[in-house]
Amino acid sequence: MDTQRAQEIIDSPTMINVSYNGIPVYIKEVNNNMATVFPLDEMDNVQEVDVEGLIEGK
């Protein structure tokens, strides 16, 4: 995924499925090529990851 698409997902009024290493995540913010994310089932586990590792689901 690229930074622009990640920002579009953040700004979307609907939930768009995104995963990182096979784990469903919520994108909190994007800064340069890094995204602040957390697993949907572990909201306290905030991580900074490379945007290119994010995969948009269907």
PDB file of N, CA and C in Angstrom:
ATOM      1  N   MET A   1       0.864  -1.170   0.000  1.00  0.00           N
ATOM      2  CA  MET A   1       0.000   0.000   0.000  1.00  0.00           C
ATOM      3  C   MET A   1       0.904   1.225   0.000  1.00  0.00           C
ATOM      4  N   ASP A   2       0.413   2.309  -0.571  1.00  0.00           N
ATOM      5  CA  ASP A   2       1.182   3.545  -0.529  1.00  0.00           C
ATOM      6  C   ASP A   2       0.586   4.498   0.520  1.00  0.00           C
ATOM      7  N   THR A   3       1.344   5.539   0.827  1.00  0.00           N
ATOM      8  CA  THR A   3       0.944   6.486   1.865  1.00  0.00           C
ATOM      9  C   THR A   3      -0.380   7.163   1.546  1.00  0.00           C
ATOM     10  N   GLN A   4      -0.593   7.531   0.292  1.00  0.00           N
ATOM     11  CA  GLN A   4      -1.835   8.205  -0.092  1.00  0.00           C
ATOM     12  C   GLN A   4      -3.039   7.305   0.156  1.00  0.00           C
ATOM     13  N   ARG A   5      -2.945   6.032  -0.218  1.00  0.00           N
ATOM     14  CA  ARG A   5      -4.077   5.113  -0.011  1.00  0.00           C
ATOM     15  C   ARG A   5      -4.325   4.902   1.482  1.00  0.00           C
ATOM     16  N   ALA A   6      -3.269   4.800   2.266  1.00  0.00           N
ATOM     17  CA  ALA A   6      -3.437   4.638   3.713  1.00  0.00           C
ATOM     18  C   ALA A   6      -4.184   5.841   4.294  1.00  0.00           C
ATOM     19  N   GLN A   7      -3.857   7.043   3.836  1.00  0.00           N
ATOM     20  CA  GLN A   7      -4.552   8.247   4.324  1.00  0.00           C
ATOM     21  C   GLN A   7      -6.004   8.236   3.877  1.00  0.00           C
ATOM     22  N   GLU A   8      -6.278   7.779   2.653  1.00  0.00           N
ATOM     23  CA  GLU A   8      -7.663   7.679   2.177  1.00  0.00           C
ATOM     24  C   GLU A   8      -8.467   6.718   3.058  1.00  0.00           C
ATOM     25  N   ILE A   9      -7.849   5.638   3.485  1.00  0.00           N
ATOM     26  CA  ILE A   9      -8.533   4.676   4.361  1.00  0.00           C
ATOM     27  C   ILE A   9      -8.823   5.312   5.712  1.00  0.00           C
ATOM     28  N   ILE A  10      -7.880   6.065   6.251  1.00  0.00           N
ATOM     29  CA  ILE A  10      -8.099   6.769   7.522  1.00  0.00           C
ATOM     30  C   ILE A  10      -9.273   7.735   7.398  1.00  0.00           C
ATOM     31  N   ASP A  11      -9.335   8.459   6.283  1.00  0.00           N
ATOM     32  CA  ASP A  11     -10.355   9.482   6.082  1.00  0.00           C
ATOM     33  C   ASP A  11     -11.714   8.912   5.677  1.00  0.00           C
ATOM     34  N   SER A  12     -11.764   7.634   5.340  1.00  0.00           N
ATOM     35  CA  SER A  12     -13.009   7.024   4.866  1.00  0.00           C
ATOM     36  C   SER A  12     -14.041   6.922   5.987  1.00  0.00           C
ATOM     37  N   PRO A  13     -15.300   7.235   5.692  1.00  0.00           N
ATOM     38  CA  PRO A  13     -16.348   7.110   6.709  1.00  0.00           C
ATOM     39  C   PRO A  13     -16.737   5.655   6.971  1.00  0.00           C
ATOM     40  N   THR A  14     -16.327   4.750   6.102  1.00  0.00           N
ATOM     41  CA  THR A  14     -16.628   3.327   6.291  1.00  0.00           C
ATOM     42  C   THR A  14     -15.368   2.575   6.675  1.00  0.00           C
ATOM     43  N   MET A  15     -15.554   1.452   7.350  1.00  0.00           N
ATOM     44  CA  MET A  15     -14.437   0.613   7.764  1.00  0.00           C
ATOM     45  C   MET A  15     -13.912  -0.156   6.556  1.00  0.00           C
ATOM     46  N   ILE A  16     -12.631  -0.042   6.292  1.00  0.00           N
ATOM     47  CA  ILE A  16     -11.985  -0.767   5.203  1.00  0.00           C
ATOM     48  C   ILE A  16     -11.009  -1.745   5.837  1.00  0.00           C
ATOM     49  N   ASN A  17     -11.123  -3.011   5.461  1.00  0.00           N
ATOM     50  CA  ASN A  17     -10.275  -4.045   6.042  1.00  0.00           C
ATOM     51  C   ASN A  17      -8.830  -3.886   5.583  1.00  0.00           C
ATOM     52  N   VAL A  18      -7.921  -3.847   6.569  1.00  0.00           N
ATOM     53  CA  VAL A  18      -6.492  -3.731   6.311  1.00  0.00           C
ATOM     54  C   VAL A  18      -5.784  -4.723   7.227  1.00  0.00           C
ATOM     55  N   SER A  19      -4.727  -5.347   6.712  1.00  0.00           N
ATOM     56  CA  SER A  19      -3.952  -6.254   7.553  1.00  0.00           C
ATOM     57  C   SER A  19      -2.464  -5.955   7.444  1.00  0.00           C
ATOM     58  N   TYR A  20      -1.739  -6.377   8.463  1.00  0.00           N
ATOM     59  CA  TYR A  20      -0.290  -6.260   8.494  1.00  0.00           C
ATOM     60  C   TYR A  20       0.240  -7.601   8.986  1.00  0.00           C
ATOM     61  N   ASN A  21       1.053  -8.250   8.176  1.00  0.00           N
ATOM     62  CA  ASN A  21       1.544  -9.598   8.491  1.00  0.00           C
ATOM     63  C   ASN A  21       0.394 -10.558   8.791  1.00  0.00           C
ATOM     64  N   GLY A  22      -0.700 -10.417   8.063  1.00  0.00           N
ATOM     65  CA  GLY A  22      -1.838 -11.316   8.217  1.00  0.00           C
ATOM     66  C   GLY A  22      -2.755 -10.998   9.382  1.00  0.00           C
ATOM     67  N   ILE A  23      -2.454  -9.946  10.126  1.00  0.00           N
ATOM     68  CA  ILE A  23      -3.255  -9.571  11.299  1.00  0.00           C
ATOM     69  C   ILE A  23      -4.095  -8.345  10.944  1.00  0.00           C
ATOM     70  N   PRO A  24      -5.420  -8.416  11.140  1.00  0.00           N
ATOM     71  CA  PRO A  24      -6.275  -7.242  10.869  1.00  0.00           C
ATOM     72  C   PRO A  24      -5.882  -6.081  11.784  1.00  0.00           C
ATOM     73  N   VAL A  25      -5.673  -4.907  11.180  1.00  0.00           N
ATOM     74  CA  VAL A  25      -5.247  -3.737  11.946  1.00  0.00           C
ATOM     75  C   VAL A  25      -6.107  -2.524  11.609  1.00  0.00           C
ATOM     76  N   TYR A  26      -6.058  -1.547  12.505  1.00  0.00           N
ATOM     77  CA  TYR A  26      -6.680  -0.241  12.313  1.00  0.00           C
ATOM     78  C   TYR A  26      -5.542   0.752  12.112  1.00  0.00           C
ATOM     79  N   ILE A  27      -5.636   1.579  11.077  1.00  0.00           N
ATOM     80  CA  ILE A  27      -4.614   2.603  10.837  1.00  0.00           C
ATOM     81  C   ILE A  27      -5.020   3.871  11.584  1.00  0.00           C
ATOM     82  N   LYS A  28      -4.190   4.275  12.517  1.00  0.00           N
ATOM     83  CA  LYS A  28      -4.473   5.456  13.321  1.00  0.00           C
ATOM     84  C   LYS A  28      -3.983   6.731  12.629  1.00  0.00           C
ATOM     85  N   GLU A  29      -2.762   6.684  12.089  1.00  0.00           N
ATOM     86  CA  GLU A  29      -2.225   7.838  11.373  1.00  0.00           C
ATOM     87  C   GLU A  29      -1.082   7.406  10.471  1.00  0.00           C
ATOM     88  N   VAL A  30      -0.748   8.297   9.532  1.00  0.00           N
ATOM     89  CA  VAL A  30       0.341   8.044   8.591  1.00  0.00           C
ATOM     90  C   VAL A  30       1.283   9.235   8.633  1.00  0.00           C
ATOM     91  N   ASN A  31       2.572   8.952   8.672  1.00  0.00           N
ATOM     92  CA  ASN A  31       3.587   9.997   8.690  1.00  0.00           C
ATOM     93  C   ASN A  31       4.741   9.526   7.811  1.00  0.00           C
ATOM     94  N   ASN A  32       4.943  10.219   6.692  1.00  0.00           N
ATOM     95  CA  ASN A  32       5.919   9.804   5.683  1.00  0.00           C
ATOM     96  C   ASN A  32       5.563   8.397   5.211  1.00  0.00           C
ATOM     97  N   ASN A  33       6.468   7.447   5.315  1.00  0.00           N
ATOM     98  CA  ASN A  33       6.171   6.075   4.881  1.00  0.00           C
ATOM     99  C   ASN A  33       5.873   5.151   6.051  1.00  0.00           C
ATOM    100  N   MET A  34       5.596   5.732   7.207  1.00  0.00           N
ATOM    101  CA  MET A  34       5.292   4.932   8.390  1.00  0.00           C
ATOM    102  C   MET A  34       3.840   5.135   8.802  1.00  0.00           C
ATOM    103  N   ALA A  35       3.224   4.066   9.292  1.00  0.00           N
ATOM    104  CA  ALA A  35       1.842   4.128   9.754  1.00  0.00           C
ATOM    105  C   ALA A  35       1.781   3.684  11.211  1.00  0.00           C
ATOM    106  N   THR A  36       0.990   4.385  11.998  1.00  0.00           N
ATOM    107  CA  THR A  36       0.717   3.966  13.369  1.00  0.00           C
ATOM    108  C   THR A  36      -0.539   3.112  13.310  1.00  0.00           C
ATOM    109  N   VAL A  37      -0.406   1.854  13.734  1.00  0.00           N
ATOM    110  CA  VAL A  37      -1.508   0.902  13.646  1.00  0.00           C
ATOM    111  C   VAL A  37      -1.658   0.152  14.963  1.00  0.00           C
ATOM    112  N   PHE A  38      -2.833  -0.492  15.112  1.00  0.00           N
ATOM    113  CA  PHE A  38      -2.994  -1.443  16.219  1.00  0.00           C
ATOM    114  C   PHE A  38      -3.904  -2.566  15.753  1.00  0.00           C
ATOM    115  N   PRO A  39      -3.646  -3.788  16.253  1.00  0.00           N
ATOM    116  CA  PRO A  39      -4.520  -4.911  15.911  1.00  0.00           C
ATOM    117  C   PRO A  39      -5.930  -4.645  16.410  1.00  0.00           C
ATOM    118  N   LEU A  40      -6.919  -5.064  15.633  1.00  0.00           N
ATOM    119  CA  LEU A  40      -8.316  -4.822  16.014  1.00  0.00           C
ATOM    120  C   LEU A  40      -8.684  -5.481  17.339  1.00  0.00           C
ATOM    121  N   ASP A  41      -8.015  -6.584  17.674  1.00  0.00           N
ATOM    122  CA  ASP A  41      -8.331  -7.281  18.933  1.00  0.00           C
ATOM    123  C   ASP A  41      -7.372  -6.927  20.067  1.00  0.00           C
ATOM    124  N   GLU A  42      -6.469  -5.969  19.834  1.00  0.00           N
ATOM    125  CA  GLU A  42      -5.490  -5.557  20.840  1.00  0.00           C
ATOM    126  C   GLU A  42      -5.238  -4.063  20.720  1.00  0.00           C
ATOM    127  N   MET A  43      -6.210  -3.266  21.063  1.00  0.00           N
ATOM    128  CA  MET A  43      -6.129  -1.823  20.835  1.00  0.00           C
ATOM    129  C   MET A  43      -4.993  -1.139  21.601  1.00  0.00           C
ATOM    130  N   ASP A  44      -4.470  -1.782  22.640  1.00  0.00           N
ATOM    131  CA  ASP A  44      -3.375  -1.185  23.409  1.00  0.00           C
ATOM    132  C   ASP A  44      -2.011  -1.472  22.789  1.00  0.00           C
ATOM    133  N   ASN A  45      -1.959  -2.324  21.778  1.00  0.00           N
ATOM    134  CA  ASN A  45      -0.701  -2.734  21.160  1.00  0.00           C
ATOM    135  C   ASN A  45      -0.406  -1.873  19.929  1.00  0.00           C
ATOM    136  N   VAL A  46      -0.135  -0.590  20.151  1.00  0.00           N
ATOM    137  CA  VAL A  46       0.117   0.360  19.065  1.00  0.00           C
ATOM    138  C   VAL A  46       1.537   0.147  18.537  1.00  0.00           C
ATOM    139  N   GLN A  47       1.662   0.122  17.200  1.00  0.00           N
ATOM    140  CA  GLN A  47       2.953  -0.105  16.566  1.00  0.00           C
ATOM    141  C   GLN A  47       3.145   0.870  15.416  1.00  0.00           C
ATOM    142  N   GLU A  48       4.394   1.168  15.101  1.00  0.00           N
ATOM    143  CA  GLU A  48       4.730   1.930  13.899  1.00  0.00           C
ATOM    144  C   GLU A  48       5.254   0.922  12.891  1.00  0.00           C
ATOM    145  N   VAL A  49       4.646   0.905  11.708  1.00  0.00           N
ATOM    146  CA  VAL A  49       5.030  -0.056  10.681  1.00  0.00           C
ATOM    147  C   VAL A  49       5.215   0.654   9.345  1.00  0.00           C
ATOM    148  N   ASP A  50       5.929   0.000   8.443  1.00  0.00           N
ATOM    149  CA  ASP A  50       6.119   0.525   7.089  1.00  0.00           C
ATOM    150  C   ASP A  50       4.795   0.423   6.328  1.00  0.00           C
ATOM    151  N   VAL A  51       4.372   1.499   5.711  1.00  0.00           N
ATOM    152  CA  VAL A  51       3.100   1.539   4.974  1.00  0.00           C
ATOM    153  C   VAL A  51       3.065   0.447   3.895  1.00  0.00           C
ATOM    154  N   GLU A  52       4.212   0.164   3.298  1.00  0.00           N
ATOM    155  CA  GLU A  52       4.255  -0.838   2.227  1.00  0.00           C
ATOM    156  C   GLU A  52       3.887  -2.234   2.703  1.00  0.00           C
ATOM    157  N   GLY A  53       3.936  -2.480   4.012  1.00  0.00           N
ATOM    158  CA  GLY A  53       3.569  -3.776   4.566  1.00  0.00           C
ATOM    159  C   GLY A  53       2.071  -3.931   4.812  1.00  0.00           C
ATOM    160  N   LEU A  54       1.314  -2.851   4.644  1.00  0.00           N
ATOM    161  CA  LEU A  54      -0.135  -2.904   4.844  1.00  0.00           C
ATOM    162  C   LEU A  54      -0.811  -3.447   3.610  1.00  0.00           C
ATOM    163  N   ILE A  55      -1.763  -4.352   3.807  1.00  0.00           N
ATOM    164  CA  ILE A  55      -2.502  -4.975   2.716  1.00  0.00           C
ATOM    165  C   ILE A  55      -3.981  -4.665   2.891  1.00  0.00           C
ATOM    166  N   GLU A  56      -4.572  -4.109   1.834  1.00  0.00           N
ATOM    167  CA  GLU A  56      -6.009  -3.820   1.859  1.00  0.00           C
ATOM    168  C   GLU A  56      -6.775  -5.087   1.563  1.00  0.00           C
ATOM    169  N   GLY A  57      -7.767  -5.394   2.429  1.00  0.00           N
ATOM    170  CA  GLY A  57      -8.603  -6.582   2.246  1.00  0.00           C
ATOM    171  C   GLY A  57      -9.770  -6.309   1.340  1.00  0.00           C
ATOM    172  N   LYS A  58     -10.604  -7.329   1.181  1.00  0.00           N
ATOM    173  CA  LYS A  58     -11.770  -7.213   0.313  1.00  0.00           C
ATOM    174  C   LYS A  58     -13.036  -7.168   1.122  1.00  0.00           C
TER     175      LYS A  58
END
